[in-house]
Amino acid sequence: MTGIIETLLIFIVLSNLLLLGSSRIGVYIKVVALQGIMLAGMLFLAHSERHLHLLFLILVTMILKGWVFPRLLFQAVRQAGVRREVEPFVGFNLSLLIGIAGWGFSLWIGGRLPLPETLGTDLTVPTAMFTIFVGMFLIIARRNAITQVLGYLVMENGIYVFGAAVAGAQPFLVEMGMLLDIFVAVFVMVITLFQINREIGEIGMDTSRLATLKD
């Protein structure tokens, strides 16, 4: 099982690099959805004793991260008519270089932090830290509001990697409460995107221009 978990973690790292190097918003959404499915699979493999509440958590994770969120975001993309991230604050090539450096730093830090016993692989903590870093980077370094929402989801995926290691020992209400918070946050963000697009059109997806709005 450990080998499969390590493979999933490696794919999550590679998907993060793809997010940093791609300009297509559709690719962003598909990659984030794939990450959610891989996280659910990792959570399933990490626990030999699969209680009913854990299986329910895995199912909810797959539905929300793999279907509900991507569906909402694809609808927002169609409404806004935006297909690419144009003129980001940090270019895509430089973003990749920063990402590679961030992965190296995550490996260095991860080797000095306690390893969750449940997953039993040295890649757990570095992958979690790197995913959180990539999510924060997308929020800061990209202009498009949809991309920034996706950055929030990627950052949460990194937190989920940490949580997957100890989910079997956490209260069920805490686990479901975290997913409910994510769902509400994304739902509100998508509604905000619809309102921005309806009021000021495609130009509103460029968050750098929102500072110029006046009454």
Protein backbone atom coordinates (compact mmCIF):
# COMPACT_ATOMS: atom_id res chain seq x y z
CA MET A 1 0.00 0.00 0.00
CA THR A 2 2.85 2.36 0.82
CA GLY A 3 4.15 2.15 -2.76
CA ILE A 4 0.74 3.11 -4.18
CA ILE A 5 0.43 6.00 -1.72
CA GLU A 6 3.89 7.27 -2.68
CA THR A 7 2.88 7.07 -6.36
CA LEU A 8 -0.23 9.15 -5.66
CA LEU A 9 1.85 11.71 -3.77
CA ILE A 10 4.30 11.95 -6.69
CA PHE A 11 1.39 12.53 -9.08
CA ILE A 12 0.11 15.30 -6.79
CA VAL A 13 3.55 16.95 -6.91
CA LEU A 14 3.66 16.69 -10.72
CA SER A 15 0.11 18.06 -10.98
CA ASN A 16 1.19 21.05 -8.89
CA LEU A 17 4.03 21.75 -11.33
CA LEU A 18 1.52 21.50 -14.20
CA LEU A 19 -0.64 24.11 -12.47
CA LEU A 20 2.34 26.45 -12.25
CA GLY A 21 3.31 26.01 -15.90
CA SER A 22 -0.07 26.04 -17.66
CA SER A 23 -2.16 29.00 -18.76
CA ARG A 24 -5.40 27.12 -19.55
CA ILE A 25 -8.06 27.50 -16.88
CA GLY A 26 -9.78 24.33 -18.06
CA VAL A 27 -6.56 22.41 -17.33
CA TYR A 28 -6.44 23.99 -13.87
CA ILE A 29 -9.94 22.77 -13.07
CA LYS A 30 -9.31 19.23 -14.33
CA VAL A 31 -6.03 18.97 -12.42
CA VAL A 32 -7.60 20.17 -9.17
CA ALA A 33 -10.45 17.67 -9.64
CA LEU A 34 -7.92 14.89 -10.24
CA GLN A 35 -6.07 15.91 -7.09
CA GLY A 36 -9.29 15.56 -5.12
CA ILE A 37 -9.87 12.05 -6.45
CA MET A 38 -6.27 11.05 -5.69
CA LEU A 39 -6.61 12.41 -2.15
CA ALA A 40 -9.74 10.33 -1.59
CA GLY A 41 -7.91 7.26 -2.89
CA MET A 42 -4.95 7.97 -0.65
CA LEU A 43 -7.22 8.29 2.37
CA PHE A 44 -8.80 4.93 1.50
CA LEU A 45 -5.43 3.18 1.21
CA ALA A 46 -3.93 4.78 4.31
CA HIS A 47 -6.29 3.08 6.79
CA SER A 48 -6.57 -0.69 7.11
CA GLU A 49 -9.62 -0.33 9.37
CA ARG A 50 -12.18 1.43 7.21
CA HIS A 51 -15.03 2.44 9.48
CA LEU A 52 -18.34 3.63 8.07
CA HIS A 53 -17.66 7.28 8.89
CA LEU A 54 -14.29 7.11 7.08
CA LEU A 55 -15.86 5.58 3.97
CA PHE A 56 -18.52 8.28 4.05
CA LEU A 57 -15.82 10.95 4.30
CA ILE A 58 -14.01 9.45 1.28
CA LEU A 59 -17.26 9.39 -0.74
CA VAL A 60 -18.09 13.00 0.15
CA THR A 61 -14.54 14.06 -0.73
CA MET A 62 -14.74 12.44 -4.15
CA ILE A 63 -18.15 13.96 -4.90
CA LEU A 64 -17.26 17.49 -3.77
CA LYS A 65 -13.69 17.71 -5.04
CA GLY A 66 -14.06 15.51 -8.12
CA TRP A 67 -17.48 16.60 -9.41
CA VAL A 68 -19.33 19.43 -7.59
CA PHE A 69 -16.50 22.00 -7.45
CA PRO A 70 -15.27 21.37 -11.04
CA ARG A 71 -18.85 21.60 -12.34
CA LEU A 72 -19.41 24.94 -10.60
CA LEU A 73 -16.10 26.33 -11.86
CA PHE A 74 -16.60 25.14 -15.44
CA GLN A 75 -19.97 26.88 -15.40
CA ALA A 76 -18.27 30.05 -14.17
CA VAL A 77 -15.72 29.76 -17.00
CA ARG A 78 -18.46 29.41 -19.61
CA GLN A 79 -20.38 32.38 -18.21
CA ALA A 80 -17.29 34.57 -18.08
CA GLY A 81 -15.94 33.46 -21.46
CA VAL A 82 -12.41 33.26 -20.04
CA ARG A 83 -10.22 30.39 -21.24
CA ARG A 84 -6.67 31.38 -20.28
CA GLU A 85 -4.71 33.11 -17.58
CA VAL A 86 -3.37 36.16 -19.41
CA GLU A 87 -0.44 38.27 -18.21
CA PRO A 88 -0.03 36.82 -14.71
CA PHE A 89 1.95 38.76 -12.13
CA VAL A 90 4.63 36.04 -12.31
CA GLY A 91 5.34 34.41 -15.69
CA PHE A 92 4.79 30.68 -16.22
CA ASN A 93 8.46 29.77 -16.77
CA LEU A 94 9.51 31.66 -13.66
CA SER A 95 6.60 30.09 -11.79
CA LEU A 96 7.95 26.64 -12.66
CA LEU A 97 11.41 27.55 -11.43
CA ILE A 98 9.95 28.90 -8.19
CA GLY A 99 7.89 25.73 -7.89
CA ILE A 100 10.93 23.49 -8.27
CA ALA A 101 12.73 25.53 -5.63
CA GLY A 102 9.65 25.31 -3.41
CA TRP A 103 9.60 21.51 -3.77
CA GLY A 104 13.26 21.34 -2.75
CA PHE A 105 12.59 23.53 0.26
CA SER A 106 9.56 21.41 1.18
CA LEU A 107 11.71 18.26 1.08
CA TRP A 108 14.26 19.92 3.34
CA ILE A 109 11.67 21.12 5.85
CA GLY A 110 9.64 17.91 5.65
CA GLY A 111 12.64 15.83 6.63
CA ARG A 112 12.82 17.77 9.89
CA LEU A 113 9.18 17.50 10.89
CA PRO A 114 7.47 14.54 12.60
CA LEU A 115 6.12 12.07 10.04
CA PRO A 116 2.48 10.96 10.37
CA GLU A 117 2.60 7.28 11.26
CA THR A 118 -0.50 6.32 9.30
CA LEU A 119 0.80 7.05 5.81
CA GLY A 120 4.28 5.80 6.58
CA THR A 121 6.12 7.59 3.76
CA ASP A 122 8.67 10.38 3.83
CA LEU A 123 6.83 12.18 0.99
CA THR A 124 3.75 12.99 3.06
CA VAL A 125 4.87 16.18 4.78
CA PRO A 126 6.86 17.63 1.82
CA THR A 127 3.94 17.00 -0.55
CA ALA A 128 1.50 18.65 1.85
CA MET A 129 3.73 21.69 2.31
CA PHE A 130 4.42 22.00 -1.42
CA THR A 131 0.72 21.79 -2.28
CA ILE A 132 -0.10 24.49 0.25
CA PHE A 133 2.69 26.63 -1.20
CA VAL A 134 1.41 26.19 -4.77
CA GLY A 135 -2.13 27.11 -3.72
CA MET A 136 -0.93 30.30 -2.03
CA PHE A 137 1.28 31.10 -5.03
CA LEU A 138 -1.66 30.81 -7.45
CA ILE A 139 -3.71 33.15 -5.28
CA ILE A 140 -0.94 35.75 -5.17
CA ALA A 141 0.73 35.44 -8.59
CA ARG A 142 -2.31 35.10 -10.89
CA ARG A 143 -4.72 37.81 -12.00
CA ASN A 144 -7.82 35.81 -12.91
CA ALA A 145 -10.41 35.42 -10.16
CA ILE A 146 -11.25 31.85 -11.19
CA THR A 147 -7.59 30.85 -10.97
CA GLN A 148 -7.43 32.35 -7.50
CA VAL A 149 -10.44 30.28 -6.40
CA LEU A 150 -8.62 27.22 -7.72
CA GLY A 151 -5.56 28.29 -5.74
CA TYR A 152 -7.70 28.20 -2.61
CA LEU A 153 -8.77 24.64 -3.45
CA VAL A 154 -5.17 23.56 -4.09
CA MET A 155 -4.09 25.03 -0.76
CA GLU A 156 -6.89 23.12 0.96
CA ASN A 157 -5.75 19.93 -0.80
CA GLY A 158 -2.38 20.38 0.86
CA ILE A 159 -4.06 20.67 4.25
CA TYR A 160 -6.05 17.56 3.37
CA VAL A 161 -2.82 15.59 2.81
CA PHE A 162 -1.90 16.30 6.42
CA GLY A 163 -5.41 15.40 7.53
CA ALA A 164 -5.41 12.13 5.58
CA ALA A 165 -2.60 10.86 7.79
CA VAL A 166 -4.60 11.16 10.99
CA ALA A 167 -8.23 11.16 9.80
CA GLY A 168 -8.91 7.82 11.44
CA ALA A 169 -8.24 9.35 14.83
CA GLN A 170 -10.19 12.58 14.35
CA PRO A 171 -13.84 13.10 15.32
CA PHE A 172 -16.23 12.65 12.45
CA LEU A 173 -17.89 16.03 13.02
CA VAL A 174 -14.53 17.80 12.68
CA GLU A 175 -13.86 16.10 9.35
CA MET A 176 -17.29 16.87 7.94
CA GLY A 177 -17.17 20.40 9.32
CA MET A 178 -13.98 21.06 7.36
CA LEU A 179 -15.55 19.82 4.12
CA LEU A 180 -18.67 21.87 4.78
CA ASP A 181 -16.53 25.00 5.26
CA ILE A 182 -14.80 24.33 1.95
CA PHE A 183 -18.11 23.80 0.17
CA VAL A 184 -19.60 27.02 1.52
CA ALA A 185 -16.44 29.00 0.69
CA VAL A 186 -16.31 27.75 -2.91
CA PHE A 187 -20.05 28.23 -3.35
CA VAL A 188 -19.79 31.84 -2.20
CA MET A 189 -16.75 32.42 -4.41
CA VAL A 190 -18.55 31.09 -7.51
CA ILE A 191 -21.61 33.24 -6.80
CA THR A 192 -19.27 36.24 -6.48
CA LEU A 193 -17.70 35.39 -9.83
CA PHE A 194 -21.14 35.27 -11.46
CA GLN A 195 -22.02 38.66 -9.99
CA ILE A 196 -18.73 40.22 -11.11
CA ASN A 197 -19.17 38.88 -14.63
CA ARG A 198 -22.80 40.05 -14.83
CA GLU A 199 -21.99 43.56 -13.63
CA ILE A 200 -18.73 44.37 -15.40
CA GLY A 201 -18.16 41.50 -17.84
CA GLU A 202 -14.99 39.57 -18.64
CA ILE A 203 -12.74 42.43 -17.54
CA GLY A 204 -13.95 41.76 -13.99
CA MET A 205 -12.14 38.42 -13.95
CA ASP A 206 -8.86 40.36 -13.84
CA THR A 207 -8.66 41.08 -10.12
CA SER A 208 -5.89 43.64 -10.60
CA ARG A 209 -8.45 45.94 -12.25
CA LEU A 210 -10.97 45.74 -9.44
CA ALA A 211 -8.91 48.31 -7.51
CA THR A 212 -9.86 50.91 -10.12
CA LEU A 213 -13.61 50.53 -9.61
CA LYS A 214 -15.52 53.53 -8.34
CA ASP A 215 -19.04 54.15 -7.10
